C-alpha atoms as a PDB file:
ATOM      1  CA  UNK A   1      15.276  28.882 -17.315  1.00  0.00           C
ATOM      2  CA  UNK A   2      18.778  27.829 -18.188  1.00  0.00           C
ATOM      3  CA  UNK A   3      20.516  24.604 -17.040  1.00  0.00           C
ATOM      4  CA  UNK A   4      24.260  24.376 -17.391  1.00  0.00           C
ATOM      5  CA  UNK A   5      26.103  21.091 -16.718  1.00  0.00           C
ATOM      6  CA  UNK A   6      29.659  20.738 -15.552  1.00  0.00           C
ATOM      7  CA  UNK A   7      30.962  17.133 -15.513  1.00  0.00           C
ATOM      8  CA  UNK A   8      33.184  15.917 -12.705  1.00  0.00           C
ATOM      9  CA  UNK A   9      33.720  12.440 -14.101  1.00  0.00           C
ATOM     10  CA  UNK A  10      34.116  11.015 -17.561  1.00  0.00           C
ATOM     11  CA  UNK A  11      31.635   8.719 -19.250  1.00  0.00           C
ATOM     12  CA  UNK A  12      30.718   9.799 -22.775  1.00  0.00           C
ATOM     13  CA  UNK A  13      27.440   7.858 -22.892  1.00  0.00           C
ATOM     14  CA  UNK A  14      26.210   9.270 -19.602  1.00  0.00           C
ATOM     15  CA  UNK A  15      27.473  12.740 -20.341  1.00  0.00           C
ATOM     16  CA  UNK A  16      25.426  12.765 -23.528  1.00  0.00           C
ATOM     17  CA  UNK A  17      22.373  11.385 -21.608  1.00  0.00           C
ATOM     18  CA  UNK A  18      22.594  14.113 -19.049  1.00  0.00           C
ATOM     19  CA  UNK A  19      23.150  16.876 -21.658  1.00  0.00           C
ATOM     20  CA  UNK A  20      20.021  15.694 -23.510  1.00  0.00           C
ATOM     21  CA  UNK A  21      17.988  15.365 -20.322  1.00  0.00           C
ATOM     22  CA  UNK A  22      19.006  18.814 -19.171  1.00  0.00           C
ATOM     23  CA  UNK A  23      18.013  20.275 -22.546  1.00  0.00           C
ATOM     24  CA  UNK A  24      14.607  18.621 -22.383  1.00  0.00           C
ATOM     25  CA  UNK A  25      14.081  19.619 -18.737  1.00  0.00           C
ATOM     26  CA  UNK A  26      15.020  23.152 -19.579  1.00  0.00           C
ATOM     27  CA  UNK A  27      12.614  23.237 -22.592  1.00  0.00           C
ATOM     28  CA  UNK A  28       9.714  21.754 -20.556  1.00  0.00           C
ATOM     29  CA  UNK A  29      10.295  24.073 -17.575  1.00  0.00           C
ATOM     30  CA  UNK A  30      10.481  27.073 -19.910  1.00  0.00           C
ATOM     31  CA  UNK A  31       7.153  26.295 -21.495  1.00  0.00           C
ATOM     32  CA  UNK A  32       3.981  28.314 -20.840  1.00  0.00           C
ATOM     33  CA  UNK A  33       2.096  25.114 -20.019  1.00  0.00           C
ATOM     34  CA  UNK A  34       4.609  24.361 -17.270  1.00  0.00           C
ATOM     35  CA  UNK A  35       4.266  27.788 -15.654  1.00  0.00           C
ATOM     36  CA  UNK A  36       0.452  27.521 -15.961  1.00  0.00           C
ATOM     37  CA  UNK A  37       0.540  24.129 -14.297  1.00  0.00           C
ATOM     38  CA  UNK A  38       2.818  25.136 -11.378  1.00  0.00           C
ATOM     39  CA  UNK A  39       0.743  28.285 -10.684  1.00  0.00           C
ATOM     40  CA  UNK A  40      -2.449  26.314 -10.717  1.00  0.00           C
ATOM     41  CA  UNK A  41      -1.323  23.970  -7.887  1.00  0.00           C
ATOM     42  CA  UNK A  42      -2.598  24.890  -4.393  1.00  0.00           C
ATOM     43  CA  UNK A  43       0.791  24.722  -2.850  1.00  0.00           C
ATOM     44  CA  UNK A  44       3.850  22.593  -1.993  1.00  0.00           C
ATOM     45  CA  UNK A  45       5.104  20.969   1.128  1.00  0.00           C
ATOM     46  CA  UNK A  46       8.336  21.963   2.884  1.00  0.00           C
ATOM     47  CA  UNK A  47       8.496  25.500   1.509  1.00  0.00           C
ATOM     48  CA  UNK A  48       6.996  28.819   2.486  1.00  0.00           C
ATOM     49  CA  UNK A  49       6.817  30.002  -1.097  1.00  0.00           C
ATOM     50  CA  UNK A  50       3.586  30.008  -3.057  1.00  0.00           C
ATOM     51  CA  UNK A  51       3.244  28.474  -6.492  1.00  0.00           C
ATOM     52  CA  UNK A  52       3.672  31.844  -8.283  1.00  0.00           C
ATOM     53  CA  UNK A  53       6.942  32.504  -6.464  1.00  0.00           C
ATOM     54  CA  UNK A  54       8.143  29.001  -7.297  1.00  0.00           C
ATOM     55  CA  UNK A  55       7.284  29.428 -10.953  1.00  0.00           C
ATOM     56  CA  UNK A  56       9.125  32.801 -10.953  1.00  0.00           C
ATOM     57  CA  UNK A  57      12.186  31.177  -9.346  1.00  0.00           C
ATOM     58  CA  UNK A  58      12.290  28.459 -11.953  1.00  0.00           C
ATOM     59  CA  UNK A  59      11.576  30.824 -14.947  1.00  0.00           C
ATOM     60  CA  UNK A  60      14.360  33.190 -13.979  1.00  0.00           C
ATOM     61  CA  UNK A  61      16.880  30.440 -12.986  1.00  0.00           C
ATOM     62  CA  UNK A  62      20.337  30.152 -14.533  1.00  0.00           C
ATOM     63  CA  UNK A  63      21.626  27.047 -12.750  1.00  0.00           C
ATOM     64  CA  UNK A  64      24.894  25.131 -13.093  1.00  0.00           C
ATOM     65  CA  UNK A  65      24.886  21.590 -11.811  1.00  0.00           C
ATOM     66  CA  UNK A  66      28.151  19.733 -11.177  1.00  0.00           C
ATOM     67  CA  UNK A  67      27.608  16.113 -12.287  1.00  0.00           C
ATOM     68  CA  UNK A  68      29.350  12.927 -11.399  1.00  0.00           C
ATOM     69  CA  UNK A  69      28.471   9.298 -11.841  1.00  0.00           C
ATOM     70  CA  UNK A  70      28.596   6.163  -9.691  1.00  0.00           C
ATOM     71  CA  UNK A  71      27.416   2.536  -9.897  1.00  0.00           C
ATOM     72  CA  UNK A  72      25.511   0.861  -7.021  1.00  0.00           C
ATOM     73  CA  UNK A  73      23.171  -1.919  -8.006  1.00  0.00           C
ATOM     74  CA  UNK A  74      21.997  -2.687  -4.444  1.00  0.00           C
ATOM     75  CA  UNK A  75      20.554   0.754  -3.633  1.00  0.00           C
ATOM     76  CA  UNK A  76      17.204   2.225  -4.611  1.00  0.00           C
ATOM     77  CA  UNK A  77      18.847   5.612  -5.101  1.00  0.00           C
ATOM     78  CA  UNK A  78      18.973   6.944  -8.676  1.00  0.00           C
ATOM     79  CA  UNK A  79      21.005  10.053  -7.719  1.00  0.00           C
ATOM     80  CA  UNK A  80      22.260  11.894  -4.661  1.00  0.00           C
ATOM     81  CA  UNK A  81      23.649  15.322  -3.878  1.00  0.00           C
ATOM     82  CA  UNK A  82      26.890  15.851  -1.990  1.00  0.00           C
ATOM     83  CA  UNK A  83      28.987  19.015  -1.478  1.00  0.00           C
ATOM     84  CA  UNK A  84      27.088  20.873  -4.229  1.00  0.00           C
ATOM     85  CA  UNK A  85      27.441  18.095  -6.819  1.00  0.00           C
ATOM     86  CA  UNK A  86      24.884  15.645  -8.159  1.00  0.00           C
ATOM     87  CA  UNK A  87      25.861  12.034  -8.686  1.00  0.00           C
ATOM     88  CA  UNK A  88      23.754   9.876 -11.013  1.00  0.00           C
ATOM     89  CA  UNK A  89      23.640   6.144 -10.475  1.00  0.00           C
ATOM     90  CA  UNK A  90      24.508   4.515 -13.784  1.00  0.00           C
ATOM     91  CA  UNK A  91      23.103   1.207 -12.520  1.00  0.00           C
ATOM     92  CA  UNK A  92      19.620   2.675 -12.348  1.00  0.00           C
ATOM     93  CA  UNK A  93      19.004   3.758 -15.930  1.00  0.00           C
ATOM     94  CA  UNK A  94      15.754   1.650 -16.064  1.00  0.00           C
ATOM     95  CA  UNK A  95      14.568   3.375 -12.886  1.00  0.00           C
ATOM     96  CA  UNK A  96      14.822   6.886 -14.187  1.00  0.00           C
ATOM     97  CA  UNK A  97      18.417   7.829 -13.379  1.00  0.00           C
ATOM     98  CA  UNK A  98      19.395  10.703 -15.613  1.00  0.00           C
ATOM     99  CA  UNK A  99      15.952  11.282 -17.017  1.00  0.00           C
ATOM    100  CA  UNK A 100      14.758  14.855 -17.652  1.00  0.00           C
ATOM    101  CA  UNK A 101      12.608  14.593 -14.556  1.00  0.00           C
ATOM    102  CA  UNK A 102      15.585  13.375 -12.459  1.00  0.00           C
ATOM    103  CA  UNK A 103      17.629  16.346 -13.737  1.00  0.00           C
ATOM    104  CA  UNK A 104      14.712  18.718 -12.976  1.00  0.00           C
ATOM    105  CA  UNK A 105      14.488  17.271  -9.482  1.00  0.00           C
ATOM    106  CA  UNK A 106      18.182  17.923  -8.852  1.00  0.00           C
ATOM    107  CA  UNK A 107      17.864  21.445 -10.287  1.00  0.00           C
ATOM    108  CA  UNK A 108      15.118  22.204  -7.800  1.00  0.00           C
ATOM    109  CA  UNK A 109      17.668  21.236  -5.053  1.00  0.00           C
ATOM    110  CA  UNK A 110      20.134  23.651  -6.609  1.00  0.00           C
ATOM    111  CA  UNK A 111      17.504  26.313  -6.345  1.00  0.00           C
ATOM    112  CA  UNK A 112      17.227  25.613  -2.630  1.00  0.00           C
ATOM    113  CA  UNK A 113      14.059  23.446  -2.522  1.00  0.00           C
ATOM    114  CA  UNK A 114      14.256  20.389  -0.294  1.00  0.00           C
ATOM    115  CA  UNK A 115      12.385  17.307   0.809  1.00  0.00           C
ATOM    116  CA  UNK A 116      12.553  15.321   4.029  1.00  0.00           C
ATOM    117  CA  UNK A 117      14.664  12.130   3.821  1.00  0.00           C
ATOM    118  CA  UNK A 118      15.332  10.220   0.667  1.00  0.00           C
ATOM    119  CA  UNK A 119      12.044   8.440   0.073  1.00  0.00           C
ATOM    120  CA  UNK A 120       9.288   9.426  -2.321  1.00  0.00           C
ATOM    121  CA  UNK A 121       6.587   8.492   0.182  1.00  0.00           C
ATOM    122  CA  UNK A 122       5.660  11.593   2.112  1.00  0.00           C
ATOM    123  CA  UNK A 123       7.549  13.826  -0.311  1.00  0.00           C
ATOM    124  CA  UNK A 124       5.245  13.650  -3.336  1.00  0.00           C
ATOM    125  CA  UNK A 125       4.136  17.275  -2.858  1.00  0.00           C
ATOM    126  CA  UNK A 126       7.580  18.808  -2.373  1.00  0.00           C
ATOM    127  CA  UNK A 127       8.964  20.987  -5.197  1.00  0.00           C
ATOM    128  CA  UNK A 128      11.749  18.544  -6.291  1.00  0.00           C
ATOM    129  CA  UNK A 129       9.455  15.517  -6.553  1.00  0.00           C
ATOM    130  CA  UNK A 130       6.416  17.310  -7.997  1.00  0.00           C
ATOM    131  CA  UNK A 131       8.377  19.261 -10.596  1.00  0.00           C
ATOM    132  CA  UNK A 132      10.519  16.242 -11.502  1.00  0.00           C
ATOM    133  CA  UNK A 133       7.430  14.069 -11.933  1.00  0.00           C
ATOM    134  CA  UNK A 134       5.699  16.707 -14.082  1.00  0.00           C
ATOM    135  CA  UNK A 135       8.753  17.082 -16.348  1.00  0.00           C
ATOM    136  CA  UNK A 136       9.000  13.307 -16.808  1.00  0.00           C
ATOM    137  CA  UNK A 137       5.284  13.213 -17.663  1.00  0.00           C
ATOM    138  CA  UNK A 138       5.728  15.880 -20.366  1.00  0.00           C
ATOM    139  CA  UNK A 139       9.135  15.057 -21.774  1.00  0.00           C
ATOM    140  CA  UNK A 140       7.822  13.164 -24.845  1.00  0.00           C
ATOM    141  CA  UNK A 141       6.272  16.286 -26.297  1.00  0.00           C
ATOM    142  CA  UNK A 142       9.582  18.138 -25.818  1.00  0.00           C
ATOM    143  CA  UNK A 143      11.509  15.308 -27.508  1.00  0.00           C
ATOM    144  CA  UNK A 144       9.049  15.243 -30.428  1.00  0.00           C
ATOM    145  CA  UNK A 145       9.259  19.044 -30.882  1.00  0.00           C
ATOM    146  CA  UNK A 146      13.081  18.877 -30.814  1.00  0.00           C
ATOM    147  CA  UNK A 147      13.139  16.018 -33.328  1.00  0.00           C
ATOM    148  CA  UNK A 148      10.773  17.807 -35.649  1.00  0.00           C
ATOM    149  CA  UNK A 149      12.782  21.030 -35.463  1.00  0.00           C
ATOM    150  CA  UNK A 150      16.037  19.132 -36.071  1.00  0.00           C
ATOM    151  CA  UNK A 151      14.533  17.325 -39.063  1.00  0.00           C
ATOM    152  CA  UNK A 152      13.010  20.471 -40.406  1.00  0.00           C
ATOM    153  CA  UNK A 153       9.582  18.935 -40.428  1.00  0.00           C
ATOM    154  CA  UNK A 154       7.918  21.302 -37.983  1.00  0.00           C
ATOM    155  CA  UNK A 155       4.484  21.866 -39.385  1.00  0.00           C
ATOM    156  CA  UNK A 156       3.487  24.789 -37.237  1.00  0.00           C
ATOM    157  CA  UNK A 157       2.452  27.818 -39.316  1.00  0.00           C
END
Protein backbone atom coordinates (compact mmCIF):
# COMPACT_ATOMS: atom_id res chain seq x y z
CA UNK A 1 0.00 0.00 0.00
CA UNK A 2 1.43 3.32 -1.09
CA UNK A 3 -0.38 6.68 -1.07
CA UNK A 4 1.14 9.51 -3.09
CA UNK A 5 -0.24 13.03 -2.85
CA UNK A 6 -0.14 15.72 -5.54
CA UNK A 7 -1.34 19.14 -4.37
CA UNK A 8 -3.42 21.28 -6.72
CA UNK A 9 -3.68 24.24 -4.36
CA UNK A 10 -1.40 25.88 -1.85
CA UNK A 11 -1.98 25.89 1.88
CA UNK A 12 1.05 24.83 3.89
CA UNK A 13 -0.90 23.89 7.02
CA UNK A 14 -3.37 21.71 5.14
CA UNK A 15 -0.72 20.23 2.88
CA UNK A 16 1.16 19.08 5.99
CA UNK A 17 -2.08 17.75 7.51
CA UNK A 18 -2.87 15.71 4.39
CA UNK A 19 0.72 14.42 4.08
CA UNK A 20 0.64 13.22 7.70
CA UNK A 21 -2.86 11.75 7.35
CA UNK A 22 -1.84 9.91 4.17
CA UNK A 23 1.23 8.47 5.93
CA UNK A 24 -0.89 7.26 8.85
CA UNK A 25 -3.58 5.84 6.54
CA UNK A 26 -0.88 4.06 4.54
CA UNK A 27 0.66 2.61 7.69
CA UNK A 28 -2.67 1.44 9.10
CA UNK A 29 -3.81 -0.09 5.80
CA UNK A 30 -0.44 -1.85 5.41
CA UNK A 31 -0.69 -3.52 8.80
CA UNK A 32 -1.39 -7.19 9.30
CA UNK A 33 -4.24 -6.35 11.70
CA UNK A 34 -5.93 -4.30 8.96
CA UNK A 35 -5.74 -7.14 6.43
CA UNK A 36 -6.99 -9.60 9.07
CA UNK A 37 -9.90 -7.30 9.90
CA UNK A 38 -10.95 -6.70 6.29
CA UNK A 39 -10.84 -10.40 5.44
CA UNK A 40 -12.87 -11.26 8.55
CA UNK A 41 -15.83 -9.12 7.48
CA UNK A 42 -18.68 -10.97 5.77
CA UNK A 43 -18.81 -8.59 2.84
CA UNK A 44 -19.42 -5.06 1.62
CA UNK A 45 -22.30 -3.31 -0.07
CA UNK A 46 -22.08 -1.88 -3.59
CA UNK A 47 -19.29 -4.16 -4.80
CA UNK A 48 -19.09 -7.64 -6.27
CA UNK A 49 -15.66 -8.24 -4.72
CA UNK A 50 -15.25 -10.35 -1.62
CA UNK A 51 -13.26 -9.16 1.42
CA UNK A 52 -10.12 -11.07 0.37
CA UNK A 53 -10.14 -9.42 -3.06
CA UNK A 54 -10.64 -6.00 -1.46
CA UNK A 55 -7.78 -6.61 0.98
CA UNK A 56 -5.57 -7.67 -1.96
CA UNK A 57 -6.53 -4.53 -3.93
CA UNK A 58 -5.61 -2.33 -0.99
CA UNK A 59 -2.41 -4.17 -0.10
CA UNK A 60 -1.08 -3.96 -3.68
CA UNK A 61 -2.25 -0.38 -4.35
CA UNK A 62 0.06 2.41 -5.40
CA UNK A 63 -2.34 5.35 -5.52
CA UNK A 64 -1.79 9.00 -6.34
CA UNK A 65 -4.48 11.39 -5.19
CA UNK A 66 -4.67 14.93 -6.55
CA UNK A 67 -5.65 17.19 -3.64
CA UNK A 68 -7.23 20.60 -3.51
CA UNK A 69 -8.88 22.58 -0.75
CA UNK A 70 -12.02 24.65 -0.36
CA UNK A 71 -13.96 26.40 2.41
CA UNK A 72 -17.73 25.98 2.82
CA UNK A 73 -19.01 26.38 6.35
CA UNK A 74 -22.66 25.75 5.48
CA UNK A 75 -22.26 22.25 4.03
CA UNK A 76 -21.99 18.94 5.87
CA UNK A 77 -19.45 17.73 3.30
CA UNK A 78 -15.89 17.27 4.53
CA UNK A 79 -14.53 16.40 1.09
CA UNK A 80 -15.68 15.68 -2.43
CA UNK A 81 -14.24 14.20 -5.60
CA UNK A 82 -14.41 15.91 -8.97
CA UNK A 83 -12.62 15.11 -12.22
CA UNK A 84 -10.21 12.74 -10.51
CA UNK A 85 -9.25 15.18 -7.74
CA UNK A 86 -10.18 15.22 -4.07
CA UNK A 87 -11.08 18.51 -2.43
CA UNK A 88 -10.95 18.73 1.38
CA UNK A 89 -13.16 21.26 3.15
CA UNK A 90 -10.89 23.35 5.37
CA UNK A 91 -13.95 24.59 7.29
CA UNK A 92 -14.63 21.05 8.57
CA UNK A 93 -11.43 20.21 10.45
CA UNK A 94 -13.43 19.43 13.61
CA UNK A 95 -15.67 17.07 11.63
CA UNK A 96 -12.87 14.87 10.28
CA UNK A 97 -11.83 16.67 7.11
CA UNK A 98 -8.32 15.57 6.22
CA UNK A 99 -8.17 12.83 8.87
CA UNK A 100 -6.42 9.55 8.06
CA UNK A 101 -9.84 7.91 7.71
CA UNK A 102 -11.03 10.66 5.37
CA UNK A 103 -7.90 10.16 3.24
CA UNK A 104 -8.44 6.36 3.29
CA UNK A 105 -12.07 6.88 2.23
CA UNK A 106 -10.94 8.96 -0.75
CA UNK A 107 -8.22 6.42 -1.63
CA UNK A 108 -10.94 3.74 -1.79
CA UNK A 109 -12.69 5.91 -4.42
CA UNK A 110 -9.40 6.12 -6.33
CA UNK A 111 -9.32 2.30 -6.29
CA UNK A 112 -12.79 2.26 -7.88
CA UNK A 113 -14.99 1.62 -4.83
CA UNK A 114 -18.14 3.70 -4.58
CA UNK A 115 -21.15 4.41 -2.41
CA UNK A 116 -24.61 5.64 -3.32
CA UNK A 117 -25.14 9.35 -2.76
CA UNK A 118 -23.23 11.49 -0.30
CA UNK A 119 -24.76 10.49 3.00
CA UNK A 120 -23.32 8.08 5.54
CA UNK A 121 -26.77 6.62 6.28
CA UNK A 122 -27.21 3.57 4.09
CA UNK A 123 -23.54 3.57 3.07
CA UNK A 124 -21.96 2.37 6.33
CA UNK A 125 -21.11 -1.01 4.81
CA UNK A 126 -19.55 0.28 1.59
CA UNK A 127 -15.80 -0.02 1.14
CA UNK A 128 -15.02 3.74 1.38
CA UNK A 129 -17.00 4.30 4.58
CA UNK A 130 -16.09 1.06 6.33
CA UNK A 131 -12.37 1.32 5.56
CA UNK A 132 -12.27 5.03 6.43
CA UNK A 133 -14.02 4.41 9.74
CA UNK A 134 -11.66 1.55 10.61
CA UNK A 135 -8.59 3.63 9.80
CA UNK A 136 -9.84 6.52 11.96
CA UNK A 137 -10.51 4.06 14.78
CA UNK A 138 -6.93 2.74 14.65
CA UNK A 139 -4.93 5.84 13.78
CA UNK A 140 -3.82 6.56 17.35
CA UNK A 141 -1.73 3.40 17.47
CA UNK A 142 -0.06 4.37 14.18
CA UNK A 143 0.65 7.91 15.48
CA UNK A 144 2.12 6.47 18.69
CA UNK A 145 4.30 4.00 16.78
CA UNK A 146 5.55 6.79 14.49
CA UNK A 147 6.28 9.09 17.44
CA UNK A 148 8.18 6.36 19.26
CA UNK A 149 10.21 5.51 16.18
CA UNK A 150 10.99 9.18 15.54
CA UNK A 151 12.05 9.71 19.18
CA UNK A 152 14.07 6.51 19.18
CA UNK A 153 12.14 5.16 22.13
CA UNK A 154 10.68 2.14 20.43
CA UNK A 155 10.84 -0.54 23.11
CA UNK A 156 10.09 -3.55 20.90
CA UNK A 157 12.81 -6.18 21.09
